């Protein structure tokens, strides 16, 4: 449509990457990408308006460009930026001719309108992909929730039946309470993970010990050793992160957890290290996927490390896991700025 409306031989949907531009769609050109340093579109995305080059041989920016002095012999170029999300210009819808020419106001408006159509299509593709992922996640969640809750709920029913028939029903109460607490912990993990989609971190200096006490609802277990340190993070989210680290170490470790902080000028790195029985355990990024259990001996929902990774991501940070000298080690990197300041140098 763009090629037809502007009566040109070449029209492209161009996406600009770090070091290249590549063509999501193209008419009249065989190439699938070009270096960014040669790309007209790399200039067009610097503004919100259509960029028009009537004769590239007369424009100091492009006169010596390989795409001008050799094939495809660009003379005329007009590119409308593709603006997605919050003013993010990812590429252009552009038209090219091998002869110098001008563009009318009506043609300029048509190119702008067609660029909006391209953005709508990109947005629709993204939303469809997200919906497919959500549907798969919901199906997976439903299956695992049923699996995780069926056993404790069945146990509760059996304990209640036994209590009703017993002369002294009180002796079943403690068993029932432990079973109910286990089910409650699983549900709480589901809820905690779901909440991460809507939380906005409020970053400020937080004492590591205070955050952990807040997260676990009291004094940290005696087998947990904390360095006296301050972390730049959201206090509530940091407490949740540390509480999940402690639960993970309790379920999969073999005694002892040391949490320290490496502080830098741009980020804080929380280092969590605890011994594990399986020293040959091989890890990759899938360990941070929801419902990913490291072993069958754990009683949780397999959400602890997913929550840790989600909280790190909310802060603009990252998390890595490794096995070193028989220790399971988590490194959680948190930038020392709030989300609103992430564009600052």
C-alpha atoms as a PDB file:
ATOM      1  CA  UNK A   1       0.000   0.000   0.000  1.00  0.00           C
ATOM      2  CA  UNK A   2       2.806   2.415   0.853  1.00  0.00           C
ATOM      3  CA  UNK A   3       4.602   1.673  -2.415  1.00  0.00           C
ATOM      4  CA  UNK A   4       1.374   2.139  -4.351  1.00  0.00           C
ATOM      5  CA  UNK A   5       0.228   5.343  -2.653  1.00  0.00           C
ATOM      6  CA  UNK A   6       3.611   7.057  -3.013  1.00  0.00           C
ATOM      7  CA  UNK A   7       4.314   5.463  -6.427  1.00  0.00           C
ATOM      8  CA  UNK A   8       7.775   4.126  -5.530  1.00  0.00           C
ATOM      9  CA  UNK A   9       9.567   0.847  -6.303  1.00  0.00           C
ATOM     10  CA  UNK A  10      10.701   0.109  -2.729  1.00  0.00           C
ATOM     11  CA  UNK A  11       8.806   0.072   0.587  1.00  0.00           C
ATOM     12  CA  UNK A  12      10.065  -1.384   3.865  1.00  0.00           C
ATOM     13  CA  UNK A  13       9.034  -2.039   7.440  1.00  0.00           C
ATOM     14  CA  UNK A  14      12.419  -1.529   9.066  1.00  0.00           C
ATOM     15  CA  UNK A  15      13.299  -2.367  12.678  1.00  0.00           C
ATOM     16  CA  UNK A  16      16.436  -0.717  14.054  1.00  0.00           C
ATOM     17  CA  UNK A  17      18.655  -2.846  16.305  1.00  0.00           C
ATOM     18  CA  UNK A  18      21.851  -1.930  18.170  1.00  0.00           C
ATOM     19  CA  UNK A  19      24.115  -2.444  15.174  1.00  0.00           C
ATOM     20  CA  UNK A  20      21.786  -3.108  12.232  1.00  0.00           C
ATOM     21  CA  UNK A  21      18.453  -2.429  10.638  1.00  0.00           C
ATOM     22  CA  UNK A  22      16.487  -5.438   9.470  1.00  0.00           C
ATOM     23  CA  UNK A  23      13.354  -5.634   7.389  1.00  0.00           C
ATOM     24  CA  UNK A  24      10.292  -7.213   8.917  1.00  0.00           C
ATOM     25  CA  UNK A  25       8.548  -6.742   5.569  1.00  0.00           C
ATOM     26  CA  UNK A  26       9.784  -5.494   2.208  1.00  0.00           C
ATOM     27  CA  UNK A  27       8.742  -4.754  -1.364  1.00  0.00           C
ATOM     28  CA  UNK A  28      11.228  -4.177  -4.204  1.00  0.00           C
ATOM     29  CA  UNK A  29      14.402  -5.041  -2.230  1.00  0.00           C
ATOM     30  CA  UNK A  30      16.150  -8.392  -1.801  1.00  0.00           C
ATOM     31  CA  UNK A  31      18.342  -7.471   1.176  1.00  0.00           C
ATOM     32  CA  UNK A  32      17.038  -8.525   4.607  1.00  0.00           C
ATOM     33  CA  UNK A  33      19.222  -6.182   6.677  1.00  0.00           C
ATOM     34  CA  UNK A  34      21.928  -3.502   6.504  1.00  0.00           C
ATOM     35  CA  UNK A  35      24.446  -2.129   9.032  1.00  0.00           C
ATOM     36  CA  UNK A  36      22.925   0.547  11.255  1.00  0.00           C
ATOM     37  CA  UNK A  37      25.675   3.001  10.294  1.00  0.00           C
ATOM     38  CA  UNK A  38      24.330   2.953   6.717  1.00  0.00           C
ATOM     39  CA  UNK A  39      20.646   3.061   7.660  1.00  0.00           C
ATOM     40  CA  UNK A  40      18.517   6.057   6.733  1.00  0.00           C
ATOM     41  CA  UNK A  41      16.008   4.698   9.257  1.00  0.00           C
ATOM     42  CA  UNK A  42      18.510   5.167  12.092  1.00  0.00           C
ATOM     43  CA  UNK A  43      18.129   8.903  11.429  1.00  0.00           C
ATOM     44  CA  UNK A  44      14.360   8.747  10.924  1.00  0.00           C
ATOM     45  CA  UNK A  45      13.730   7.262  14.396  1.00  0.00           C
ATOM     46  CA  UNK A  46      15.317  10.285  16.074  1.00  0.00           C
ATOM     47  CA  UNK A  47      12.131  12.301  15.519  1.00  0.00           C
ATOM     48  CA  UNK A  48       8.370  11.779  15.680  1.00  0.00           C
ATOM     49  CA  UNK A  49       7.757  13.280  12.241  1.00  0.00           C
ATOM     50  CA  UNK A  50       8.196  11.810   8.770  1.00  0.00           C
ATOM     51  CA  UNK A  51      11.775  12.297   7.574  1.00  0.00           C
ATOM     52  CA  UNK A  52      12.032  13.167   3.877  1.00  0.00           C
ATOM     53  CA  UNK A  53      15.216  13.182   1.811  1.00  0.00           C
ATOM     54  CA  UNK A  54      14.421  14.521  -1.664  1.00  0.00           C
ATOM     55  CA  UNK A  55      17.860  13.817  -3.178  1.00  0.00           C
ATOM     56  CA  UNK A  56      20.322  11.844  -1.079  1.00  0.00           C
ATOM     57  CA  UNK A  57      23.279  12.871  -3.289  1.00  0.00           C
ATOM     58  CA  UNK A  58      22.721  16.461  -2.172  1.00  0.00           C
ATOM     59  CA  UNK A  59      22.314  15.677   1.538  1.00  0.00           C
ATOM     60  CA  UNK A  60      25.610  15.820   3.534  1.00  0.00           C
ATOM     61  CA  UNK A  61      24.377  13.013   5.822  1.00  0.00           C
ATOM     62  CA  UNK A  62      23.927  10.532   2.989  1.00  0.00           C
ATOM     63  CA  UNK A  63      25.904  11.666  -0.077  1.00  0.00           C
ATOM     64  CA  UNK A  64      28.730   9.198   0.654  1.00  0.00           C
ATOM     65  CA  UNK A  65      26.484   6.410   1.965  1.00  0.00           C
ATOM     66  CA  UNK A  66      27.176   3.016   0.306  1.00  0.00           C
ATOM     67  CA  UNK A  67      23.428   2.620  -0.255  1.00  0.00           C
ATOM     68  CA  UNK A  68      23.506   5.856  -2.293  1.00  0.00           C
ATOM     69  CA  UNK A  69      26.729   5.494  -4.277  1.00  0.00           C
ATOM     70  CA  UNK A  70      25.963   1.828  -5.068  1.00  0.00           C
ATOM     71  CA  UNK A  71      22.938  -0.496  -5.154  1.00  0.00           C
ATOM     72  CA  UNK A  72      20.140   0.074  -4.371  1.00  0.00           C
ATOM     73  CA  UNK A  73      21.105   3.632  -5.516  1.00  0.00           C
ATOM     74  CA  UNK A  74      18.857   5.488  -3.089  1.00  0.00           C
ATOM     75  CA  UNK A  75      17.931   9.017  -4.115  1.00  0.00           C
ATOM     76  CA  UNK A  76      14.540   9.657  -2.509  1.00  0.00           C
ATOM     77  CA  UNK A  77      13.662   8.465   0.994  1.00  0.00           C
ATOM     78  CA  UNK A  78      10.661   9.094   3.257  1.00  0.00           C
ATOM     79  CA  UNK A  79      10.338   7.315   6.605  1.00  0.00           C
ATOM     80  CA  UNK A  80       7.645   7.473   9.292  1.00  0.00           C
ATOM     81  CA  UNK A  81       8.804   6.259  12.721  1.00  0.00           C
ATOM     82  CA  UNK A  82       7.065   3.276  14.303  1.00  0.00           C
ATOM     83  CA  UNK A  83       6.242   4.497  17.816  1.00  0.00           C
ATOM     84  CA  UNK A  84       5.209   1.820  20.304  1.00  0.00           C
ATOM     85  CA  UNK A  85       4.475   1.939  24.018  1.00  0.00           C
ATOM     86  CA  UNK A  86       5.705   5.022  25.854  1.00  0.00           C
ATOM     87  CA  UNK A  87       7.326   6.911  22.964  1.00  0.00           C
ATOM     88  CA  UNK A  88       9.624   4.061  21.952  1.00  0.00           C
ATOM     89  CA  UNK A  89      10.639   4.424  18.290  1.00  0.00           C
ATOM     90  CA  UNK A  90      11.646   0.944  17.130  1.00  0.00           C
ATOM     91  CA  UNK A  91      11.902   1.452  13.382  1.00  0.00           C
ATOM     92  CA  UNK A  92      10.137   2.962  10.383  1.00  0.00           C
ATOM     93  CA  UNK A  93       7.743   2.426   7.572  1.00  0.00           C
ATOM     94  CA  UNK A  94       9.771   3.890   4.718  1.00  0.00           C
ATOM     95  CA  UNK A  95       9.555   4.313   0.963  1.00  0.00           C
ATOM     96  CA  UNK A  96      12.521   4.629  -1.416  1.00  0.00           C
ATOM     97  CA  UNK A  97      13.011   5.703  -5.032  1.00  0.00           C
ATOM     98  CA  UNK A  98      16.048   5.634  -7.291  1.00  0.00           C
ATOM     99  CA  UNK A  99      15.130   9.064  -8.653  1.00  0.00           C
ATOM    100  CA  UNK A 100      15.035  12.393  -6.755  1.00  0.00           C
ATOM    101  CA  UNK A 101      11.512  13.580  -5.987  1.00  0.00           C
ATOM    102  CA  UNK A 102       9.315  15.444  -3.549  1.00  0.00           C
ATOM    103  CA  UNK A 103       6.448  14.240  -1.404  1.00  0.00           C
ATOM    104  CA  UNK A 104       3.044  15.924  -1.088  1.00  0.00           C
ATOM    105  CA  UNK A 105       1.369  16.697   2.206  1.00  0.00           C
ATOM    106  CA  UNK A 106      -1.317  14.114   1.451  1.00  0.00           C
ATOM    107  CA  UNK A 107       1.336  11.452   0.804  1.00  0.00           C
ATOM    108  CA  UNK A 108       3.126  12.405   4.015  1.00  0.00           C
ATOM    109  CA  UNK A 109      -0.110  11.982   6.005  1.00  0.00           C
ATOM    110  CA  UNK A 110      -0.805   8.653   4.271  1.00  0.00           C
ATOM    111  CA  UNK A 111       2.636   7.366   5.265  1.00  0.00           C
ATOM    112  CA  UNK A 112       2.011   8.432   8.875  1.00  0.00           C
ATOM    113  CA  UNK A 113      -1.359   6.644   8.888  1.00  0.00           C
ATOM    114  CA  UNK A 114       0.118   3.467   7.434  1.00  0.00           C
ATOM    115  CA  UNK A 115       2.882   3.554  10.061  1.00  0.00           C
ATOM    116  CA  UNK A 116       0.155   3.566  12.734  1.00  0.00           C
ATOM    117  CA  UNK A 117      -1.376   0.499  11.069  1.00  0.00           C
ATOM    118  CA  UNK A 118       2.010  -1.260  11.301  1.00  0.00           C
ATOM    119  CA  UNK A 119       2.253  -0.363  15.003  1.00  0.00           C
ATOM    120  CA  UNK A 120      -1.275  -1.714  15.553  1.00  0.00           C
ATOM    121  CA  UNK A 121      -0.275  -4.993  13.893  1.00  0.00           C
ATOM    122  CA  UNK A 122       2.892  -5.261  15.999  1.00  0.00           C
ATOM    123  CA  UNK A 123       0.888  -4.553  19.147  1.00  0.00           C
ATOM    124  CA  UNK A 124      -1.743  -7.127  18.189  1.00  0.00           C
ATOM    125  CA  UNK A 125       0.971  -9.739  17.560  1.00  0.00           C
ATOM    126  CA  UNK A 126       2.527  -8.985  20.959  1.00  0.00           C
ATOM    127  CA  UNK A 127      -0.817  -9.179  22.759  1.00  0.00           C
ATOM    128  CA  UNK A 128      -1.689 -12.467  21.054  1.00  0.00           C
ATOM    129  CA  UNK A 129       1.682 -13.922  22.073  1.00  0.00           C
ATOM    130  CA  UNK A 130       1.191 -12.718  25.645  1.00  0.00           C
ATOM    131  CA  UNK A 131      -2.301 -14.215  25.730  1.00  0.00           C
ATOM    132  CA  UNK A 132      -0.984 -17.576  24.534  1.00  0.00           C
ATOM    133  CA  UNK A 133       1.659 -17.487  27.258  1.00  0.00           C
ATOM    134  CA  UNK A 134      -0.970 -16.574  29.866  1.00  0.00           C
ATOM    135  CA  UNK A 135      -3.235 -19.403  28.719  1.00  0.00           C
ATOM    136  CA  UNK A 136      -0.378 -21.898  28.965  1.00  0.00           C
ATOM    137  CA  UNK A 137       0.633 -20.522  32.371  1.00  0.00           C
ATOM    138  CA  UNK A 138      -2.972 -20.731  33.604  1.00  0.00           C
ATOM    139  CA  UNK A 139      -3.269 -24.328  32.443  1.00  0.00           C
ATOM    140  CA  UNK A 140       0.035 -25.195  34.123  1.00  0.00           C
ATOM    141  CA  UNK A 141      -0.975 -23.340  37.283  1.00  0.00           C
ATOM    142  CA  UNK A 142      -4.338 -25.127  37.482  1.00  0.00           C
ATOM    143  CA  UNK A 143      -2.722 -28.531  37.108  1.00  0.00           C
ATOM    144  CA  UNK A 144      -0.047 -27.889  39.724  1.00  0.00           C
ATOM    145  CA  UNK A 145      -2.400 -26.162  42.168  1.00  0.00           C
ATOM    146  CA  UNK A 146      -4.694 -29.164  42.048  1.00  0.00           C
ATOM    147  CA  UNK A 147      -1.700 -31.460  42.524  1.00  0.00           C
ATOM    148  CA  UNK A 148      -0.236 -29.451  45.417  1.00  0.00           C
ATOM    149  CA  UNK A 149      -3.511 -28.952  47.296  1.00  0.00           C
ATOM    150  CA  UNK A 150      -5.214 -32.310  46.745  1.00  0.00           C
ATOM    151  CA  UNK A 151      -2.959 -34.233  49.153  1.00  0.00           C
ATOM    152  CA  UNK A 152      -3.180 -31.854  52.162  1.00  0.00           C
ATOM    153  CA  UNK A 153      -6.922 -31.336  51.711  1.00  0.00           C
ATOM    154  CA  UNK A 154      -7.510 -35.091  51.500  1.00  0.00           C
ATOM    155  CA  UNK A 155      -5.365 -35.512  54.608  1.00  0.00           C
ATOM    156  CA  UNK A 156      -7.448 -32.901  56.438  1.00  0.00           C
ATOM    157  CA  UNK A 157     -10.653 -34.732  55.559  1.00  0.00           C
ATOM    158  CA  UNK A 158      -9.191 -38.020  56.801  1.00  0.00           C
ATOM    159  CA  UNK A 159      -7.979 -36.432  60.045  1.00  0.00           C
ATOM    160  CA  UNK A 160     -11.409 -34.915  60.652  1.00  0.00           C
ATOM    161  CA  UNK A 161     -13.045 -38.302  60.056  1.00  0.00           C
ATOM    162  CA  UNK A 162     -10.672 -39.927  62.548  1.00  0.00           C
ATOM    163  CA  UNK A 163     -11.263 -37.149  65.090  1.00  0.00           C
ATOM    164  CA  UNK A 164     -15.031 -37.603  64.837  1.00  0.00           C
ATOM    165  CA  UNK A 165     -14.727 -41.298  65.621  1.00  0.00           C
ATOM    166  CA  UNK A 166     -12.054 -41.000  68.328  1.00  0.00           C
ATOM    167  CA  UNK A 167     -12.661 -40.874  72.052  1.00  0.00           C
ATOM    168  CA  UNK A 168     -10.026 -38.109  72.301  1.00  0.00           C
ATOM    169  CA  UNK A 169     -10.214 -36.015  69.076  1.00  0.00           C
ATOM    170  CA  UNK A 170      -7.709 -33.453  70.375  1.00  0.00           C
ATOM    171  CA  UNK A 171      -4.775 -35.702  69.477  1.00  0.00           C
ATOM    172  CA  UNK A 172      -5.596 -35.196  65.787  1.00  0.00           C
ATOM    173  CA  UNK A 173      -5.741 -31.411  66.025  1.00  0.00           C
ATOM    174  CA  UNK A 174      -1.974 -30.824  65.811  1.00  0.00           C
ATOM    175  CA  UNK A 175      -1.692 -33.081  62.751  1.00  0.00           C
ATOM    176  CA  UNK A 176      -4.559 -31.230  61.119  1.00  0.00           C
ATOM    177  CA  UNK A 177      -2.992 -27.873  61.924  1.00  0.00           C
ATOM    178  CA  UNK A 178       0.359 -28.815  60.344  1.00  0.00           C
ATOM    179  CA  UNK A 179      -1.425 -30.047  57.235  1.00  0.00           C
ATOM    180  CA  UNK A 180      -3.503 -26.877  56.975  1.00  0.00           C
ATOM    181  CA  UNK A 181      -0.396 -24.712  57.470  1.00  0.00           C
ATOM    182  CA  UNK A 182       1.334 -26.544  54.628  1.00  0.00           C
ATOM    183  CA  UNK A 183      -1.615 -25.912  52.296  1.00  0.00           C
ATOM    184  CA  UNK A 184      -1.759 -22.285  53.415  1.00  0.00           C
ATOM    185  CA  UNK A 185       1.936 -21.849  52.577  1.00  0.00           C
ATOM    186  CA  UNK A 186       1.367 -23.151  49.053  1.00  0.00           C
ATOM    187  CA  UNK A 187      -1.575 -20.784  48.485  1.00  0.00           C
ATOM    188  CA  UNK A 188       0.445 -17.877  49.909  1.00  0.00           C
ATOM    189  CA  UNK A 189       3.225 -18.568  47.394  1.00  0.00           C
ATOM    190  CA  UNK A 190       0.740 -18.506  44.515  1.00  0.00           C
ATOM    191  CA  UNK A 191      -0.666 -15.210  45.761  1.00  0.00           C
ATOM    192  CA  UNK A 192       2.803 -13.718  46.296  1.00  0.00           C
ATOM    193  CA  UNK A 193       3.862 -14.514  42.740  1.00  0.00           C
ATOM    194  CA  UNK A 194       0.631 -13.097  41.286  1.00  0.00           C
ATOM    195  CA  UNK A 195       1.071  -9.822  43.210  1.00  0.00           C
ATOM    196  CA  UNK A 196       4.400  -9.121  41.516  1.00  0.00           C
ATOM    197  CA  UNK A 197       2.555  -8.122  38.338  1.00  0.00           C
ATOM    198  CA  UNK A 198       1.110  -4.996  39.978  1.00  0.00           C
ATOM    199  CA  UNK A 199       3.748  -3.809  42.465  1.00  0.00           C
ATOM    200  CA  UNK A 200       5.818  -0.644  41.910  1.00  0.00           C
ATOM    201  CA  UNK A 201       9.063  -0.712  43.957  1.00  0.00           C
ATOM    202  CA  UNK A 202       9.816   2.209  46.286  1.00  0.00           C
ATOM    203  CA  UNK A 203      13.609   1.988  46.500  1.00  0.00           C
ATOM    204  CA  UNK A 204      15.451   3.259  49.572  1.00  0.00           C
ATOM    205  CA  UNK A 205      18.278   2.088  51.873  1.00  0.00           C
ATOM    206  CA  UNK A 206      17.119  -0.881  53.982  1.00  0.00           C
ATOM    207  CA  UNK A 207      18.974  -2.805  56.686  1.00  0.00           C
ATOM    208  CA  UNK A 208      19.323  -6.427  55.620  1.00  0.00           C
ATOM    209  CA  UNK A 209      18.407  -7.792  59.058  1.00  0.00           C
ATOM    210  CA  UNK A 210      15.305  -5.604  59.362  1.00  0.00           C
ATOM    211  CA  UNK A 211      14.097  -6.666  55.910  1.00  0.00           C
ATOM    212  CA  UNK A 212      14.506 -10.365  56.749  1.00  0.00           C
ATOM    213  CA  UNK A 213      12.696 -10.027  60.087  1.00  0.00           C
ATOM    214  CA  UNK A 214       9.841  -8.281  58.278  1.00  0.00           C
ATOM    215  CA  UNK A 215       9.727 -10.992  55.606  1.00  0.00           C
ATOM    216  CA  UNK A 216       9.679 -13.964  57.981  1.00  0.00           C
ATOM    217  CA  UNK A 217       7.431 -12.234  60.506  1.00  0.00           C
ATOM    218  CA  UNK A 218       9.899 -12.277  63.402  1.00  0.00           C
ATOM    219  CA  UNK A 219      13.460 -13.174  64.257  1.00  0.00           C
ATOM    220  CA  UNK A 220      15.395 -15.035  61.591  1.00  0.00           C
ATOM    221  CA  UNK A 221      16.070 -18.749  62.252  1.00  0.00           C
ATOM    222  CA  UNK A 222      19.241 -19.459  64.221  1.00  0.00           C
ATOM    223  CA  UNK A 223      20.880 -21.273  61.324  1.00  0.00           C
ATOM    224  CA  UNK A 224      20.748 -18.112  59.177  1.00  0.00           C
ATOM    225  CA  UNK A 225      23.817 -15.833  59.376  1.00  0.00           C
ATOM    226  CA  UNK A 226      23.436 -12.242  58.171  1.00  0.00           C
ATOM    227  CA  UNK A 227      26.106  -9.650  57.550  1.00  0.00           C
ATOM    228  CA  UNK A 228      25.403  -6.175  58.869  1.00  0.00           C
ATOM    229  CA  UNK A 229      24.677  -4.422  55.607  1.00  0.00           C
ATOM    230  CA  UNK A 230      22.326  -2.011  53.861  1.00  0.00           C
ATOM    231  CA  UNK A 231      20.637  -2.680  50.532  1.00  0.00           C
ATOM    232  CA  UNK A 232      18.949  -0.190  48.212  1.00  0.00           C
ATOM    233  CA  UNK A 233      15.565  -1.818  47.571  1.00  0.00           C
ATOM    234  CA  UNK A 234      11.858  -1.729  48.320  1.00  0.00           C
ATOM    235  CA  UNK A 235      11.636  -2.799  52.009  1.00  0.00           C
ATOM    236  CA  UNK A 236       8.566  -5.015  51.608  1.00  0.00           C
ATOM    237  CA  UNK A 237       9.788  -6.676  48.418  1.00  0.00           C
ATOM    238  CA  UNK A 238      13.252  -7.190  49.892  1.00  0.00           C
ATOM    239  CA  UNK A 239      11.671  -8.896  52.898  1.00  0.00           C
ATOM    240  CA  UNK A 240       9.713 -11.219  50.589  1.00  0.00           C
ATOM    241  CA  UNK A 241      12.855 -11.971  48.593  1.00  0.00           C
ATOM    242  CA  UNK A 242      14.880 -12.894  51.670  1.00  0.00           C
ATOM    243  CA  UNK A 243      12.036 -14.945  53.173  1.00  0.00           C
ATOM    244  CA  UNK A 244      11.894 -17.021  49.993  1.00  0.00           C
ATOM    245  CA  UNK A 245      15.669 -17.468  50.056  1.00  0.00           C
ATOM    246  CA  UNK A 246      15.403 -18.782  53.633  1.00  0.00           C
ATOM    247  CA  UNK A 247      12.529 -21.152  52.753  1.00  0.00           C
ATOM    248  CA  UNK A 248      14.445 -22.426  49.732  1.00  0.00           C
ATOM    249  CA  UNK A 249      17.526 -23.112  51.871  1.00  0.00           C
ATOM    250  CA  UNK A 250      15.381 -24.836  54.495  1.00  0.00           C
ATOM    251  CA  UNK A 251      13.748 -27.132  51.941  1.00  0.00           C
ATOM    252  CA  UNK A 252      16.782 -27.950  49.805  1.00  0.00           C
ATOM    253  CA  UNK A 253      19.841 -27.229  51.963  1.00  0.00           C
ATOM    254  CA  UNK A 254      21.613 -29.281  54.595  1.00  0.00           C
ATOM    255  CA  UNK A 255      22.064 -26.707  57.347  1.00  0.00           C
ATOM    256  CA  UNK A 256      23.279 -23.125  57.407  1.00  0.00           C
ATOM    257  CA  UNK A 257      22.661 -20.084  55.229  1.00  0.00           C
ATOM    258  CA  UNK A 258      24.969 -17.085  54.904  1.00  0.00           C
ATOM    259  CA  UNK A 259      23.597 -13.854  53.397  1.00  0.00           C
ATOM    260  CA  UNK A 260      26.071 -11.082  52.589  1.00  0.00           C
ATOM    261  CA  UNK A 261      26.102  -7.936  50.437  1.00  0.00           C
ATOM    262  CA  UNK A 262      28.682  -6.681  47.942  1.00  0.00           C
ATOM    263  CA  UNK A 263      28.015  -2.947  47.648  1.00  0.00           C
ATOM    264  CA  UNK A 264      29.079  -0.956  44.604  1.00  0.00           C
ATOM    265  CA  UNK A 265      28.530   2.565  43.384  1.00  0.00           C
ATOM    266  CA  UNK A 266      25.844   1.477  40.913  1.00  0.00           C
ATOM    267  CA  UNK A 267      24.381  -1.706  42.409  1.00  0.00           C
ATOM    268  CA  UNK A 268      24.135  -3.903  45.476  1.00  0.00           C
ATOM    269  CA  UNK A 269      24.649  -7.652  45.092  1.00  0.00           C
ATOM    270  CA  UNK A 270      23.038  -9.879  47.702  1.00  0.00           C
ATOM    271  CA  UNK A 271      24.984 -13.150  47.949  1.00  0.00           C
ATOM    272  CA  UNK A 272      23.111 -16.073  49.532  1.00  0.00           C
ATOM    273  CA  UNK A 273      25.077 -19.281  50.100  1.00  0.00           C
ATOM    274  CA  UNK A 274      24.001 -22.543  51.713  1.00  0.00           C
ATOM    275  CA  UNK A 275      25.354 -26.138  51.602  1.00  0.00           C
ATOM    276  CA  UNK A 276      23.406 -28.665  49.531  1.00  0.00           C
ATOM    277  CA  UNK A 277      23.466 -32.443  49.454  1.00  0.00           C
ATOM    278  CA  UNK A 278      23.662 -32.688  45.657  1.00  0.00           C
ATOM    279  CA  UNK A 279      27.023 -31.058  44.929  1.00  0.00           C
ATOM    280  CA  UNK A 280      26.810 -32.184  41.274  1.00  0.00           C
ATOM    281  CA  UNK A 281      23.556 -30.320  40.665  1.00  0.00           C
ATOM    282  CA  UNK A 282      23.608 -28.582  37.271  1.00  0.00           C
ATOM    283  CA  UNK A 283      21.738 -25.303  37.048  1.00  0.00           C
ATOM    284  CA  UNK A 284      20.515 -23.030  34.279  1.00  0.00           C
ATOM    285  CA  UNK A 285      18.032 -20.145  34.035  1.00  0.00           C
ATOM    286  CA  UNK A 286      15.091 -22.580  34.110  1.00  0.00           C
ATOM    287  CA  UNK A 287      15.611 -22.868  37.880  1.00  0.00           C
ATOM    288  CA  UNK A 288      13.878 -19.470  38.139  1.00  0.00           C
ATOM    289  CA  UNK A 289      10.784 -20.542  36.201  1.00  0.00           C
ATOM    290  CA  UNK A 290       7.525 -20.788  38.191  1.00  0.00           C
ATOM    291  CA  UNK A 291       6.687 -24.261  39.542  1.00  0.00           C
ATOM    292  CA  UNK A 292      10.219 -25.489  38.828  1.00  0.00           C
ATOM    293  CA  UNK A 293      11.169 -27.804  41.688  1.00  0.00           C
ATOM    294  CA  UNK A 294      14.852 -28.558  42.194  1.00  0.00           C
ATOM    295  CA  UNK A 295      14.051 -31.887  43.814  1.00  0.00           C
ATOM    296  CA  UNK A 296      11.125 -34.007  44.884  1.00  0.00           C
ATOM    297  CA  UNK A 297      12.023 -33.767  48.559  1.00  0.00           C
ATOM    298  CA  UNK A 298      10.770 -30.157  48.803  1.00  0.00           C
ATOM    299  CA  UNK A 299       7.216 -29.597  49.996  1.00  0.00           C
ATOM    300  CA  UNK A 300       6.662 -26.165  48.478  1.00  0.00           C
ATOM    301  CA  UNK A 301       5.021 -25.088  45.244  1.00  0.00           C
ATOM    302  CA  UNK A 302       8.285 -24.585  43.377  1.00  0.00           C
ATOM    303  CA  UNK A 303       7.759 -20.812  43.372  1.00  0.00           C
ATOM    304  CA  UNK A 304      10.466 -19.557  45.748  1.00  0.00           C
ATOM    305  CA  UNK A 305      13.192 -18.853  43.206  1.00  0.00           C
ATOM    306  CA  UNK A 306      10.633 -17.569  40.691  1.00  0.00           C
ATOM    307  CA  UNK A 307       9.530 -14.993  43.274  1.00  0.00           C
ATOM    308  CA  UNK A 308      13.166 -14.047  43.961  1.00  0.00           C
ATOM    309  CA  UNK A 309      13.761 -13.542  40.219  1.00  0.00           C
ATOM    310  CA  UNK A 310      10.499 -11.588  39.840  1.00  0.00           C
ATOM    311  CA  UNK A 311      11.419  -9.195  42.650  1.00  0.00           C
ATOM    312  CA  UNK A 312      14.899  -8.670  41.201  1.00  0.00           C
ATOM    313  CA  UNK A 313      13.354  -7.915  37.799  1.00  0.00           C
ATOM    314  CA  UNK A 314      10.930  -5.398  39.341  1.00  0.00           C
ATOM    315  CA  UNK A 315      13.961  -3.512  40.642  1.00  0.00           C
ATOM    316  CA  UNK A 316      15.592  -3.572  37.208  1.00  0.00           C
ATOM    317  CA  UNK A 317      18.065  -6.163  38.453  1.00  0.00           C
ATOM    318  CA  UNK A 318      18.926  -9.787  37.799  1.00  0.00           C
ATOM    319  CA  UNK A 319      19.600 -13.021  39.642  1.00  0.00           C
ATOM    320  CA  UNK A 320      22.027 -15.879  39.018  1.00  0.00           C
ATOM    321  CA  UNK A 321      22.381 -19.301  40.608  1.00  0.00           C
ATOM    322  CA  UNK A 322      25.380 -21.604  40.779  1.00  0.00           C
ATOM    323  CA  UNK A 323      26.809 -24.545  42.711  1.00  0.00           C
ATOM    324  CA  UNK A 324      30.278 -23.824  44.061  1.00  0.00           C
ATOM    325  CA  UNK A 325      32.275 -26.100  46.393  1.00  0.00           C
ATOM    326  CA  UNK A 326      29.152 -27.901  47.572  1.00  0.00           C
ATOM    327  CA  UNK A 327      27.245 -24.647  48.171  1.00  0.00           C
ATOM    328  CA  UNK A 328      24.156 -23.418  46.368  1.00  0.00           C
ATOM    329  CA  UNK A 329      24.811 -19.722  45.690  1.00  0.00           C
ATOM    330  CA  UNK A 330      22.332 -17.044  44.666  1.00  0.00           C
ATOM    331  CA  UNK A 331      23.554 -13.637  43.494  1.00  0.00           C
ATOM    332  CA  UNK A 332      20.825 -11.012  43.360  1.00  0.00           C
ATOM    333  CA  UNK A 333      21.915  -7.765  41.690  1.00  0.00           C
ATOM    334  CA  UNK A 334      19.820  -4.680  42.527  1.00  0.00           C
ATOM    335  CA  UNK A 335      20.608  -1.300  40.883  1.00  0.00           C
ATOM    336  CA  UNK A 336      20.959   1.619  43.263  1.00  0.00           C
ATOM    337  CA  UNK A 337      18.160   3.667  41.746  1.00  0.00           C
ATOM    338  CA  UNK A 338      14.390   3.635  41.541  1.00  0.00           C
ATOM    339  CA  UNK A 339      12.469   2.684  38.402  1.00  0.00           C
ATOM    340  CA  UNK A 340      11.817   6.350  37.618  1.00  0.00           C
ATOM    341  CA  UNK A 341      15.563   7.034  37.672  1.00  0.00           C
ATOM    342  CA  UNK A 342      16.684   4.125  35.498  1.00  0.00           C
ATOM    343  CA  UNK A 343      17.227   6.368  32.509  1.00  0.00           C
ATOM    344  CA  UNK A 344      19.834   8.362  34.426  1.00  0.00           C
ATOM    345  CA  UNK A 345      23.534   7.660  33.770  1.00  0.00           C
END
